[in-house]
Amino acid sequence: MSSKKETVSLKKALTPIHLWTIGVGIVISGNYFGWNFGLLESGYLGMIIATVIMAIMYLTMTLGISELSTALPYAGGPYSFARRAMGKYFGFITGVGVVLQYVIAAPIIAIGIGGYISFLFPAVSTVAAAAIMYIFFMIIHIVGIKEYATLEMILVFIALGLLALMYFVGLPQIQMENLFSSDSALIPGGFAGVWSALPYAMWLFLAIEMLPMLSEETRDVQRDMPKGLISGMITLLILSVLTTTVAIGLAGIDVLATAEDPLPAALAAAFGDTYWLAQILASIGLVGLIASFSGVILAYSRQVYALSRAGYLPSFLSLMHKKRQTPYMAIILPGFIGLALVILFNPDDLILVSTFGALISYITMNLSVLILRKKEPNLNRTFRTPFYPFTPIISLTLAIIAIFASFFANITFFFVCIIVFALASLYYYLWARHHINEDAPEERFSKEQNSSTITPND
């Protein structure tokens, strides 16, 4: 059984600089908050190793999805890749992973924002700060993608400027004993310590892969999407090494491991609580978290919209604002869910759920690169993955390794994630598969492919 409904379109407004800005902006909060929670077990050296491993995974994946986004330029992004390569169920499960990743990433970042605001204004609670952020940026996203992209560009350049200022001031003051303490092991938890740090190292790169979900809103997706993805990833690689090294070198592991405002805490440890840059980072530094928060709302709304448009999720979630051409219900409902999560959970536990969902989608996206090269070698690819097939194989292998890092970090939340995907599978077979909208772009494109004749030699 299938249902049909009117297919609506998103507004094309994004250029390469917009894509780079959004790509860096949605991730940049990882430099300001989150990565430090893995330090007790990993130490500096273990965190650097974990960061390099995750950087390789993301870089190789970015090259693969650059190819997929030019061949399948739809708002579904990861869902549409897996749908084309492996069918409806795997497309849906990939979409669930993406929705889980971003809907839960939003409250994590909101908690980080609350921590910075509480540092400045102790009377303001984390929940109140999160609620203000959710409402403000839900309104911005409903107003329009171009307006959001302009605001995001301002936020990102301020956040990058502050990081560069911290590097300039902090690099000459790094204490080697903070990085390589002689009183304890270089990697306190050994191999398991590095493994348990992987989900937190992911936080320095997590979400760059959302850019293909903006394909329908990009002016020249064939040319501009690979530029945005690759330039964004290179920027994040540089930031990840500098941020971890400078912050740990200034404050040491003990200070940073539990800090909800790690960069001001690092500068305060080295220069004092009243040091001007610590105060600036605690105030203006909020823009880095805000930039990512707003980008995460964009990401979850586009994946929810695409899944709803295709019939996998209830149809009201793809309702569009007629004048602004924005999916307002896909913005609002997950926002209220995220706000509830702010109240109920700690950020270090939520990070494990968000990264688990992300890794599910990474596995299926890398598989999609490999399967579609074999299954459809003549598919129009204006960008082809360098060093294929090694590139997607490397990313796939590292994603499989990383997904079990949650087991070491928190076994309870590891099984919570397993249960979530089991329930999603049950939902798919009982309801979603009977309500697919065959007229949705991703479904129509896959149906056209399935109806064509493909010979074994193809």
Protein backbone atom coordinates (compact mmCIF):
# COMPACT_ATOMS: atom_id res chain seq x y z
CA MET A 1 0.00 0.00 0.00
CA SER A 2 1.33 3.42 -0.88
CA SER A 3 0.04 6.91 -0.40
CA LYS A 4 0.47 9.92 -2.62
CA LYS A 5 0.63 13.54 -1.66
CA GLU A 6 1.76 16.76 -3.25
CA THR A 7 5.54 17.05 -3.38
CA VAL A 8 6.79 20.47 -2.35
CA SER A 9 10.22 21.94 -2.96
CA LEU A 10 12.76 23.81 -0.88
CA LYS A 11 14.22 27.15 -1.88
CA LYS A 12 17.60 27.15 -3.70
CA ALA A 13 19.80 29.79 -2.07
CA LEU A 14 23.14 28.28 -0.95
CA THR A 15 26.59 28.88 -2.45
CA PRO A 16 29.99 27.27 -1.59
CA ILE A 17 30.75 29.86 1.10
CA HIS A 18 27.34 29.18 2.68
CA LEU A 19 28.03 25.43 2.66
CA TRP A 20 31.48 25.87 4.19
CA THR A 21 30.03 28.18 6.83
CA ILE A 22 27.20 25.81 7.72
CA GLY A 23 29.52 22.78 7.70
CA VAL A 24 32.05 24.38 10.03
CA GLY A 25 29.37 26.11 12.07
CA ILE A 26 27.37 22.99 12.87
CA VAL A 27 30.53 21.29 14.19
CA ILE A 28 32.42 24.14 15.83
CA SER A 29 30.74 23.74 19.22
CA GLY A 30 32.71 20.50 19.50
CA ASN A 31 35.78 22.68 20.06
CA TYR A 32 34.01 24.64 22.80
CA PHE A 33 32.32 21.78 24.66
CA GLY A 34 32.02 17.97 24.73
CA TRP A 35 35.36 16.56 23.54
CA ASN A 36 36.89 16.95 27.02
CA PHE A 37 34.61 14.36 28.71
CA GLY A 38 36.84 11.51 27.47
CA LEU A 39 40.08 12.81 29.00
CA LEU A 40 40.20 10.95 32.33
CA GLU A 41 40.62 7.59 30.61
CA SER A 42 42.56 8.72 27.55
CA GLY A 43 44.88 11.49 28.73
CA TYR A 44 46.26 13.92 26.17
CA LEU A 45 48.07 11.32 24.08
CA GLY A 46 45.09 8.99 24.03
CA MET A 47 42.77 11.85 23.03
CA ILE A 48 45.10 12.86 20.22
CA ILE A 49 45.18 9.26 18.96
CA ALA A 50 41.39 9.06 19.18
CA THR A 51 41.09 12.40 17.39
CA VAL A 52 43.39 11.31 14.55
CA ILE A 53 41.45 8.05 14.14
CA MET A 54 38.15 9.93 13.97
CA ALA A 55 39.64 12.55 11.65
CA ILE A 56 40.62 9.79 9.21
CA MET A 57 37.13 8.29 9.44
CA TYR A 58 35.46 11.63 8.73
CA LEU A 59 37.85 12.69 5.98
CA THR A 60 37.45 9.44 4.06
CA MET A 61 33.67 9.51 4.60
CA THR A 62 33.51 13.12 3.40
CA LEU A 63 35.14 12.12 0.11
CA GLY A 64 32.61 9.31 -0.31
CA ILE A 65 29.52 11.37 0.41
CA SER A 66 30.81 14.12 -1.91
CA GLU A 67 30.38 11.57 -4.69
CA LEU A 68 26.96 10.46 -3.45
CA SER A 69 25.64 14.00 -3.04
CA THR A 70 26.38 14.87 -6.68
CA ALA A 71 24.75 11.65 -7.91
CA LEU A 72 21.73 11.81 -5.55
CA PRO A 73 21.10 15.51 -4.79
CA TYR A 74 18.10 15.22 -2.48
CA ALA A 75 17.12 16.61 0.94
CA GLY A 76 17.10 13.04 2.26
CA GLY A 77 20.90 12.99 2.14
CA PRO A 78 22.04 9.86 4.03
CA TYR A 79 18.57 8.30 3.85
CA SER A 80 18.42 8.76 0.09
CA PHE A 81 21.90 7.25 -0.38
CA ALA A 82 21.05 4.09 1.55
CA ARG A 83 17.57 3.93 0.00
CA ARG A 84 19.05 3.87 -3.50
CA ALA A 85 21.78 1.39 -2.65
CA MET A 86 20.09 -1.05 -0.26
CA GLY A 87 16.33 -0.51 -0.34
CA LYS A 88 13.60 1.04 1.79
CA TYR A 89 14.36 -0.58 5.14
CA PHE A 90 18.03 0.42 5.17
CA GLY A 91 17.09 3.88 3.94
CA PHE A 92 14.69 4.23 6.86
CA ILE A 93 17.18 2.91 9.44
CA THR A 94 19.79 5.33 8.13
CA GLY A 95 17.28 8.15 8.48
CA VAL A 96 16.52 7.07 12.05
CA GLY A 97 20.23 7.19 12.86
CA VAL A 98 20.48 10.71 11.43
CA VAL A 99 17.38 11.94 13.28
CA LEU A 100 18.64 10.39 16.53
CA GLN A 101 22.02 12.02 16.01
CA TYR A 102 20.75 15.55 15.50
CA VAL A 103 17.64 15.62 17.68
CA ILE A 104 19.84 14.53 20.60
CA ALA A 105 22.82 16.68 19.61
CA ALA A 106 20.66 19.79 20.01
CA PRO A 107 20.02 19.36 23.76
CA ILE A 108 23.68 18.44 24.32
CA ILE A 109 24.73 21.75 22.82
CA ALA A 110 21.91 23.54 24.63
CA ILE A 111 23.29 22.22 27.94
CA GLY A 112 26.71 23.54 26.92
CA ILE A 113 25.18 26.93 26.19
CA GLY A 114 23.52 26.84 29.59
CA GLY A 115 26.86 26.09 31.24
CA TYR A 116 28.50 29.12 29.62
CA ILE A 117 25.55 31.38 30.45
CA SER A 118 25.50 30.18 34.07
CA PHE A 119 29.21 31.05 34.28
CA LEU A 120 28.28 34.63 33.41
CA PHE A 121 24.81 34.87 34.99
CA PRO A 122 24.42 32.35 37.85
CA ALA A 123 20.74 33.23 38.27
CA VAL A 124 19.87 31.90 34.78
CA SER A 125 19.24 28.14 34.77
CA THR A 126 20.40 25.77 32.05
CA VAL A 127 16.80 24.88 31.18
CA ALA A 128 15.77 28.54 30.82
CA ALA A 129 18.76 29.28 28.58
CA ALA A 130 18.04 26.20 26.45
CA ALA A 131 14.37 27.14 26.06
CA ILE A 132 15.31 30.64 24.85
CA MET A 133 17.76 29.20 22.32
CA TYR A 134 15.27 26.64 21.01
CA ILE A 135 12.48 29.18 20.52
CA PHE A 136 14.71 31.82 18.92
CA PHE A 137 16.33 29.50 16.38
CA MET A 138 13.15 27.62 15.53
CA ILE A 139 11.76 31.02 14.51
CA ILE A 140 14.90 31.83 12.49
CA HIS A 141 14.68 28.52 10.59
CA ILE A 142 11.01 28.99 9.85
CA VAL A 143 11.75 32.48 8.47
CA GLY A 144 14.07 31.02 5.79
CA ILE A 145 17.30 29.24 4.82
CA LYS A 146 18.99 32.33 3.37
CA GLU A 147 18.34 34.37 6.50
CA TYR A 148 19.70 31.52 8.62
CA ALA A 149 22.81 31.15 6.42
CA THR A 150 23.59 34.87 6.75
CA LEU A 151 23.31 34.75 10.54
CA GLU A 152 25.34 31.54 10.66
CA MET A 153 28.15 33.15 8.69
CA ILE A 154 28.45 35.95 11.25
CA LEU A 155 28.43 33.50 14.17
CA VAL A 156 31.04 31.20 12.60
CA PHE A 157 33.53 33.93 11.82
CA ILE A 158 33.27 35.25 15.40
CA ALA A 159 33.74 31.72 16.79
CA LEU A 160 36.75 31.06 14.55
CA GLY A 161 38.27 34.41 15.49
CA LEU A 162 37.99 33.60 19.19
CA LEU A 163 39.62 30.20 18.71
CA ALA A 164 42.46 31.78 16.74
CA LEU A 165 42.93 34.33 19.56
CA MET A 166 43.08 31.51 22.13
CA TYR A 167 45.72 29.69 20.06
CA PHE A 168 47.79 32.88 19.73
CA VAL A 169 47.71 33.60 23.46
CA GLY A 170 47.82 30.00 24.69
CA LEU A 171 50.41 28.25 22.53
CA PRO A 172 53.44 30.04 24.10
CA GLN A 173 52.10 29.22 27.61
CA ILE A 174 51.59 25.47 27.19
CA GLN A 175 53.09 23.40 30.03
CA MET A 176 54.51 20.10 28.80
CA GLU A 177 53.79 18.41 32.13
CA ASN A 178 50.09 19.05 31.51
CA LEU A 179 50.34 17.13 28.24
CA PHE A 180 52.75 14.40 29.31
CA SER A 181 52.63 14.02 33.09
CA SER A 182 55.48 12.05 34.63
CA ASP A 183 53.29 11.08 37.60
CA SER A 184 50.87 8.89 35.65
CA ALA A 185 50.65 6.80 32.51
CA LEU A 186 50.60 8.65 29.19
CA ILE A 187 47.31 6.91 28.39
CA PRO A 188 45.66 6.20 31.80
CA GLY A 189 43.16 3.67 30.45
CA GLY A 190 45.48 2.11 27.90
CA PHE A 191 43.88 0.75 24.72
CA ALA A 192 40.43 0.80 26.33
CA GLY A 193 41.00 4.45 27.25
CA VAL A 194 41.60 5.39 23.62
CA TRP A 195 38.57 3.37 22.53
CA SER A 196 36.29 4.96 25.13
CA ALA A 197 37.48 8.41 23.99
CA LEU A 198 36.36 7.86 20.38
CA PRO A 199 32.75 9.11 20.85
CA TYR A 200 34.08 12.30 22.45
CA ALA A 201 36.74 12.79 19.77
CA MET A 202 33.92 12.44 17.23
CA TRP A 203 32.40 15.57 18.74
CA LEU A 204 35.19 17.58 17.05
CA PHE A 205 33.86 16.53 13.60
CA LEU A 206 30.35 15.22 14.10
CA ALA A 207 27.71 16.77 11.78
CA ILE A 208 29.88 17.85 8.83
CA GLU A 209 28.10 15.04 6.98
CA MET A 210 24.78 16.89 7.19
CA LEU A 211 25.63 19.10 4.21
CA PRO A 212 24.18 16.71 1.58
CA MET A 213 20.78 17.26 3.21
CA LEU A 214 21.02 20.79 1.80
CA SER A 215 21.39 19.55 -1.79
CA GLU A 216 17.92 20.72 -2.81
CA GLU A 217 18.74 24.17 -1.42
CA THR A 218 22.15 24.49 -3.14
CA ARG A 219 22.31 26.55 -6.33
CA ASP A 220 24.82 24.31 -8.14
CA VAL A 221 24.99 21.09 -6.16
CA GLN A 222 27.22 19.25 -8.65
CA ARG A 223 30.02 21.75 -8.29
CA ASP A 224 29.45 23.37 -4.91
CA MET A 225 28.65 20.46 -2.57
CA PRO A 226 32.08 18.74 -2.80
CA LYS A 227 33.76 22.12 -2.30
CA GLY A 228 31.74 22.81 0.84
CA LEU A 229 32.28 19.33 2.31
CA ILE A 230 36.03 19.06 1.69
CA SER A 231 36.94 22.65 2.66
CA GLY A 232 34.87 22.32 5.83
CA MET A 233 36.57 19.06 6.80
CA ILE A 234 40.07 20.49 6.28
CA THR A 235 39.19 23.44 8.51
CA LEU A 236 37.94 21.11 11.25
CA LEU A 237 41.08 18.95 11.09
CA ILE A 238 43.25 21.97 11.86
CA LEU A 239 40.99 23.19 14.66
CA SER A 240 40.77 19.78 16.37
CA VAL A 241 44.51 19.41 16.95
CA LEU A 242 45.04 23.01 18.02
CA THR A 243 42.09 23.14 20.42
CA THR A 244 42.89 19.91 22.27
CA THR A 245 46.60 20.69 22.53
CA VAL A 246 46.26 24.29 23.70
CA ALA A 247 43.42 23.66 26.19
CA ILE A 248 45.04 20.62 27.82
CA GLY A 249 48.46 22.23 27.73
CA LEU A 250 47.14 25.22 29.67
CA ALA A 251 45.00 23.49 32.31
CA GLY A 252 45.82 19.77 32.47
CA ILE A 253 43.55 16.73 32.46
CA ASP A 254 42.03 17.08 35.94
CA VAL A 255 40.65 20.56 35.30
CA LEU A 256 39.26 19.89 31.84
CA ALA A 257 37.82 16.38 32.20
CA THR A 258 34.64 17.54 33.92
CA ALA A 259 34.46 21.19 32.80
CA GLU A 260 31.20 22.30 31.17
CA ASP A 261 33.05 25.38 29.85
CA PRO A 262 36.47 23.87 28.97
CA LEU A 263 38.03 26.75 27.04
CA PRO A 264 37.37 29.49 29.64
CA ALA A 265 38.36 26.94 32.30
CA ALA A 266 41.68 26.29 30.52
CA LEU A 267 42.52 29.97 30.26
CA ALA A 268 41.39 30.63 33.83
CA ALA A 269 43.63 27.82 35.10
CA ALA A 270 46.63 29.34 33.35
CA PHE A 271 45.99 33.06 33.77
CA GLY A 272 43.34 33.41 36.52
CA ASP A 273 39.56 33.70 36.60
CA THR A 274 39.63 37.39 35.78
CA TYR A 275 41.86 37.03 32.71
CA TRP A 276 40.30 39.05 29.88
CA LEU A 277 40.31 36.26 27.29
CA ALA A 278 38.71 33.79 29.71
CA GLN A 279 35.91 36.29 30.24
CA ILE A 280 35.55 36.89 26.50
CA LEU A 281 35.42 33.17 25.73
CA ALA A 282 32.82 32.65 28.42
CA SER A 283 30.67 35.39 26.90
CA ILE A 284 31.32 35.90 23.20
CA GLY A 285 32.52 32.28 23.07
CA LEU A 286 28.87 31.33 23.29
CA VAL A 287 28.58 32.07 19.58
CA GLY A 288 30.46 28.86 18.76
CA LEU A 289 27.89 26.80 20.62
CA ILE A 290 25.05 28.85 19.20
CA ALA A 291 26.35 28.39 15.64
CA SER A 292 26.32 24.62 16.07
CA PHE A 293 22.98 24.62 17.84
CA SER A 294 21.32 26.46 15.00
CA GLY A 295 22.96 24.15 12.45
CA VAL A 296 21.74 21.05 14.27
CA ILE A 297 18.16 22.33 14.11
CA LEU A 298 18.61 22.73 10.35
CA ALA A 299 19.95 19.18 10.09
CA TYR A 300 17.24 17.37 12.02
CA SER A 301 14.49 19.36 10.32
CA ARG A 302 15.68 18.41 6.82
CA GLN A 303 15.98 14.70 7.62
CA VAL A 304 12.60 14.60 9.37
CA TYR A 305 11.10 16.51 6.44
CA ALA A 306 12.53 14.09 3.87
CA LEU A 307 11.41 10.99 5.78
CA SER A 308 7.93 12.44 6.27
CA ARG A 309 7.66 13.52 2.63
CA ALA A 310 8.47 9.93 1.63
CA GLY A 311 5.90 8.47 4.04
CA TYR A 312 8.25 6.88 6.59
CA LEU A 313 7.16 9.39 9.25
CA PRO A 314 3.68 10.91 9.71
CA SER A 315 2.76 13.31 6.90
CA PHE A 316 2.19 16.39 9.11
CA LEU A 317 5.95 16.54 9.73
CA SER A 318 6.51 17.61 6.10
CA LEU A 319 4.05 20.51 6.17
CA MET A 320 5.63 23.57 4.58
CA HIS A 321 5.28 27.27 5.29
CA LYS A 322 3.74 28.47 2.02
CA LYS A 323 5.51 31.82 1.90
CA ARG A 324 8.89 30.88 3.41
CA GLN A 325 9.18 27.38 1.90
CA THR A 326 10.42 25.94 5.19
CA PRO A 327 9.26 22.68 6.88
CA TYR A 328 7.94 24.26 10.06
CA MET A 329 6.56 21.13 11.75
CA ALA A 330 9.86 19.27 11.22
CA ILE A 331 11.51 22.19 13.02
CA ILE A 332 9.09 22.59 15.93
CA LEU A 333 8.20 19.08 17.16
CA PRO A 334 11.77 17.68 17.47
CA GLY A 335 12.68 20.95 19.18
CA PHE A 336 10.25 20.32 22.01
CA ILE A 337 11.50 16.74 22.32
CA GLY A 338 15.05 18.05 22.62
CA LEU A 339 14.05 20.54 25.29
CA ALA A 340 12.59 17.67 27.34
CA LEU A 341 15.91 15.82 27.03
CA VAL A 342 17.72 18.85 28.46
CA ILE A 343 15.70 18.40 31.64
CA LEU A 344 16.04 14.61 31.88
CA PHE A 345 19.64 13.66 30.97
CA ASN A 346 23.31 14.52 31.41
CA PRO A 347 25.26 15.66 28.31
CA ASP A 348 27.99 13.00 28.53
CA ASP A 349 25.35 10.24 28.32
CA LEU A 350 23.45 11.96 25.51
CA ILE A 351 26.67 12.25 23.49
CA LEU A 352 26.88 8.44 23.43
CA VAL A 353 23.36 8.15 21.99
CA SER A 354 23.95 10.90 19.42
CA THR A 355 27.25 9.41 18.22
CA PHE A 356 25.74 5.90 18.09
CA GLY A 357 22.99 7.15 15.78
CA ALA A 358 25.57 8.97 13.68
CA LEU A 359 27.76 5.88 13.33
CA ILE A 360 24.83 3.79 12.09
CA SER A 361 24.36 6.28 9.28
CA TYR A 362 28.13 6.37 8.59
CA ILE A 363 28.21 2.61 8.14
CA THR A 364 25.30 2.62 5.70
CA MET A 365 26.63 5.64 3.77
CA ASN A 366 30.02 4.04 3.25
CA LEU A 367 28.33 0.82 2.19
CA SER A 368 26.25 2.87 -0.24
CA VAL A 369 29.38 4.25 -1.91
CA LEU A 370 30.67 0.70 -2.46
CA ILE A 371 27.34 -0.83 -3.50
CA LEU A 372 26.36 1.90 -5.96
CA ARG A 373 29.76 1.80 -7.69
CA LYS A 374 29.17 -1.92 -8.31
CA LYS A 375 25.40 -1.75 -8.86
CA GLU A 376 25.25 1.43 -10.95
CA PRO A 377 28.67 2.25 -12.42
CA ASN A 378 27.10 4.58 -14.99
CA LEU A 379 25.27 6.74 -12.46
CA ASN A 380 26.06 10.41 -13.13
CA ARG A 381 28.93 11.29 -10.78
CA THR A 382 30.45 14.72 -11.30
CA PHE A 383 32.76 14.00 -8.34
CA ARG A 384 34.37 10.60 -7.86
CA THR A 385 35.87 9.42 -4.56
CA PRO A 386 39.70 9.54 -4.68
CA PHE A 387 41.53 6.24 -4.03
CA TYR A 388 38.36 4.20 -4.36
CA PRO A 389 37.65 1.55 -2.98
CA PHE A 390 40.17 2.08 -0.15
CA THR A 391 38.62 5.39 0.95
CA PRO A 392 35.12 4.11 1.86
CA ILE A 393 36.54 0.84 3.21
CA ILE A 394 38.77 2.73 5.66
CA SER A 395 35.88 4.91 6.82
CA LEU A 396 33.55 1.90 7.12
CA THR A 397 36.06 -0.07 9.20
CA LEU A 398 36.69 2.82 11.59
CA ALA A 399 32.93 3.45 11.99
CA ILE A 400 32.36 -0.20 12.95
CA ILE A 401 35.20 -0.01 15.48
CA ALA A 402 33.92 3.27 16.90
CA ILE A 403 30.33 2.10 17.36
CA PHE A 404 31.41 -0.31 20.07
CA ALA A 405 33.26 2.43 21.94
CA SER A 406 29.93 3.28 23.59
CA PHE A 407 30.07 -0.17 25.19
CA PHE A 408 33.23 0.83 27.04
CA ALA A 409 32.02 4.33 27.87
CA ASN A 410 28.58 3.36 29.23
CA ILE A 411 27.11 -0.11 28.69
CA THR A 412 23.62 1.00 29.75
CA PHE A 413 23.34 3.62 27.04
CA PHE A 414 24.87 1.23 24.52
CA PHE A 415 21.92 -1.11 25.02
CA VAL A 416 19.49 1.82 25.07
CA CYS A 417 20.68 2.60 21.54
CA ILE A 418 20.21 -1.02 20.47
CA ILE A 419 16.65 -0.98 21.84
CA VAL A 420 15.86 2.28 20.00
CA PHE A 421 16.82 0.75 16.65
CA ALA A 422 14.94 -2.45 17.44
CA LEU A 423 11.79 -0.41 18.11
CA ALA A 424 12.38 1.60 14.94
CA SER A 425 12.57 -1.65 12.94
CA LEU A 426 9.31 -2.85 14.49
CA TYR A 427 7.67 0.48 13.60
CA TYR A 428 8.89 0.17 10.01
CA TYR A 429 7.46 -3.30 9.44
CA LEU A 430 4.17 -2.61 11.22
CA TRP A 431 3.41 0.87 9.84
CA ALA A 432 5.95 2.81 7.76
CA ARG A 433 6.40 0.36 4.87
CA HIS A 434 2.65 0.44 4.22
CA HIS A 435 2.57 4.24 3.86
CA ILE A 436 5.44 4.98 1.47
CA ASN A 437 4.85 7.96 -0.84
CA GLU A 438 6.14 6.73 -4.20
CA ASP A 439 6.05 10.30 -5.57
CA ALA A 440 8.70 11.60 -3.15
CA PRO A 441 11.89 12.47 -5.10
CA GLU A 442 14.08 9.84 -3.38
CA GLU A 443 11.45 7.11 -3.85
CA ARG A 444 10.66 8.07 -7.43
CA PHE A 445 14.34 8.08 -8.39
CA SER A 446 14.92 4.68 -6.78
CA LYS A 447 11.80 3.26 -8.46
CA GLU A 448 13.02 4.45 -11.87
CA GLN A 449 16.33 2.71 -11.23
CA ASN A 450 14.65 -0.50 -10.12
CA SER A 451 12.49 -0.58 -13.24
CA SER A 452 15.46 -0.26 -15.56
CA THR A 453 17.33 -3.23 -16.94
CA ILE A 454 20.78 -3.78 -15.48
CA THR A 455 22.88 -6.50 -16.99
CA PRO A 456 25.52 -8.43 -15.00
CA ASN A 457 28.26 -6.63 -16.93
CA ASP A 458 26.89 -3.26 -15.85
